[in-house]
Amino acid sequence: MPSVLIRLNELKKIYREQNFNFTKEQQEAYNVLLSRRREDVSGFYRDGKVWTGSSVPGKIIEESV
């Protein structure tokens, strides 16, 4: 099965090709995939895999152990 992002992008492309309308089945599939994606991203935040600090170009970041 393709990844969630790939399938979401496919559905978005279909959405544009169909005059910005989904069929009932496509809408249900989109909603399921979107909720899965949101769970994945929430997990990234929960596991500390997302940078939430400010960015200072050229500054060396010291890692704390």
C-alpha atoms as a PDB file:
ATOM      1  CA  MET A   1       0.000   0.000   0.000  1.00  0.00           C
ATOM      2  CA  PRO A   2       1.387   3.444  -0.865  1.00  0.00           C
ATOM      3  CA  SER A   3       2.274   5.764   1.963  1.00  0.00           C
ATOM      4  CA  VAL A   4      -0.279   8.148   3.386  1.00  0.00           C
ATOM      5  CA  LEU A   5       1.318  11.200   1.783  1.00  0.00           C
ATOM      6  CA  ILE A   6       1.443   9.640  -1.670  1.00  0.00           C
ATOM      7  CA  ARG A   7      -2.207   8.579  -1.490  1.00  0.00           C
ATOM      8  CA  LEU A   8      -3.262  12.022  -0.179  1.00  0.00           C
ATOM      9  CA  ASN A   9      -1.480  13.701  -3.086  1.00  0.00           C
ATOM     10  CA  GLU A  10      -3.174  11.350  -5.544  1.00  0.00           C
ATOM     11  CA  LEU A  11      -6.577  12.224  -4.098  1.00  0.00           C
ATOM     12  CA  LYS A  12      -5.782  15.948  -4.239  1.00  0.00           C
ATOM     13  CA  LYS A  13      -4.886  15.590  -7.913  1.00  0.00           C
ATOM     14  CA  ILE A  14      -8.143  13.729  -8.595  1.00  0.00           C
ATOM     15  CA  TYR A  15     -10.005  16.444  -6.669  1.00  0.00           C
ATOM     16  CA  ARG A  16      -8.621  19.131  -8.994  1.00  0.00           C
ATOM     17  CA  GLU A  17      -9.352  17.065 -12.104  1.00  0.00           C
ATOM     18  CA  GLN A  18     -12.980  16.544 -11.009  1.00  0.00           C
ATOM     19  CA  ASN A  19     -13.825  20.253 -10.756  1.00  0.00           C
ATOM     20  CA  PHE A  20     -12.977  20.357  -7.037  1.00  0.00           C
ATOM     21  CA  ASN A  21     -15.508  17.677  -6.074  1.00  0.00           C
ATOM     22  CA  PHE A  22     -14.988  14.319  -4.401  1.00  0.00           C
ATOM     23  CA  THR A  23     -17.297  11.342  -4.683  1.00  0.00           C
ATOM     24  CA  LYS A  24     -18.604  10.031  -1.375  1.00  0.00           C
ATOM     25  CA  GLU A  25     -16.064   7.183  -1.356  1.00  0.00           C
ATOM     26  CA  GLN A  26     -13.188   9.517  -2.209  1.00  0.00           C
ATOM     27  CA  GLN A  27     -14.212  11.927   0.560  1.00  0.00           C
ATOM     28  CA  GLU A  28     -14.299   9.096   3.099  1.00  0.00           C
ATOM     29  CA  ALA A  29     -10.871   7.856   1.980  1.00  0.00           C
ATOM     30  CA  TYR A  30      -9.471  11.393   2.157  1.00  0.00           C
ATOM     31  CA  ASN A  31     -10.832  11.897   5.690  1.00  0.00           C
ATOM     32  CA  VAL A  32      -9.307   8.595   6.871  1.00  0.00           C
ATOM     33  CA  LEU A  33      -5.918   9.398   5.321  1.00  0.00           C
ATOM     34  CA  LEU A  34      -5.962  12.940   6.705  1.00  0.00           C
ATOM     35  CA  SER A  35      -6.659  11.698  10.224  1.00  0.00           C
ATOM     36  CA  ARG A  36      -3.811   9.151   9.881  1.00  0.00           C
ATOM     37  CA  ARG A  37      -1.458  11.906   8.733  1.00  0.00           C
ATOM     38  CA  ARG A  38      -2.448  14.108  11.659  1.00  0.00           C
ATOM     39  CA  GLU A  39      -1.790  11.203  14.053  1.00  0.00           C
ATOM     40  CA  ASP A  40       1.645  10.687  12.461  1.00  0.00           C
ATOM     41  CA  VAL A  41       2.569  14.355  12.809  1.00  0.00           C
ATOM     42  CA  SER A  42       1.320  14.438  16.403  1.00  0.00           C
ATOM     43  CA  GLY A  43       3.567  11.449  17.064  1.00  0.00           C
ATOM     44  CA  PHE A  44       6.536  13.316  15.585  1.00  0.00           C
ATOM     45  CA  TYR A  45       5.924  16.180  18.019  1.00  0.00           C
ATOM     46  CA  ARG A  46       5.381  13.773  20.925  1.00  0.00           C
ATOM     47  CA  ASP A  47       8.634  11.914  20.147  1.00  0.00           C
ATOM     48  CA  GLY A  48      10.637  15.125  19.803  1.00  0.00           C
ATOM     49  CA  LYS A  49      11.366  14.667  16.102  1.00  0.00           C
ATOM     50  CA  VAL A  50      10.274  18.197  15.155  1.00  0.00           C
ATOM     51  CA  TRP A  51      12.411  21.293  15.559  1.00  0.00           C
ATOM     52  CA  THR A  52      10.362  23.904  17.425  1.00  0.00           C
ATOM     53  CA  GLY A  53      13.082  26.421  18.268  1.00  0.00           C
ATOM     54  CA  SER A  54      14.190  29.509  16.443  1.00  0.00           C
ATOM     55  CA  SER A  55      16.723  29.407  13.653  1.00  0.00           C
ATOM     56  CA  VAL A  56      19.942  31.390  13.825  1.00  0.00           C
ATOM     57  CA  PRO A  57      21.973  30.970  10.616  1.00  0.00           C
ATOM     58  CA  GLY A  58      25.645  30.223  11.185  1.00  0.00           C
ATOM     59  CA  LYS A  59      25.331  29.595  14.920  1.00  0.00           C
ATOM     60  CA  ILE A  60      26.804  26.326  16.133  1.00  0.00           C
ATOM     61  CA  ILE A  61      24.306  24.388  18.193  1.00  0.00           C
ATOM     62  CA  GLU A  62      25.651  22.525  21.188  1.00  0.00           C
ATOM     63  CA  GLU A  63      23.944  19.230  21.883  1.00  0.00           C
ATOM     64  CA  SER A  64      23.038  18.485  25.465  1.00  0.00           C
ATOM     65  CA  VAL A  65      23.612  14.924  26.583  1.00  0.00           C
END
